[in-house]
């Protein structure tokens, strides 16, 4: 049975969106599971970690010997993490974020088949809706963000929505 080019493209695109290379470094503790982790182009690590025993999610950024930013909150707490998810054919945008000290941090996965064959990953930092910084991931990525959506609140203020 031969697969048409369109079906083959769809299958390859779907696999790219679900990218998971479990060899990526992580800042998660041994008792935590990796929700997301990647190595940036400057050799720093972006990690989202889940401690299911304590119902806590943690964001960590930096190096194993020097974590620069850390934020931990209970699932669904007022000051906790939130998500956004938007999808249509050949496009998927996912975000898991939090706000601390007036800054919003959003770990993201952006996939648009019209722009690239594989997703872009990273963290965006904004204040009052104005993006202040964006740190892109390199090639090593563990992405299990879709598993977290049911555990988080939707950020209804975002134009992405929560589909």
Foldseek 3Di string as FASTA:
>chain_A
DDDDPVVVLQVLLVCQLQDADPVADELDDPQWDWQKWFQFPVRKMWTWTANPVQQKIKTWIGHNVDTDDMDMDHFPDPQHKAKFWADDVQWIKIWIWGDDPQKIKIWIWTTHVVVDSHIWTWIWIDGPPHTDDTTTGDDHMGHNNVVCNVRHHHPCVDPRHHD
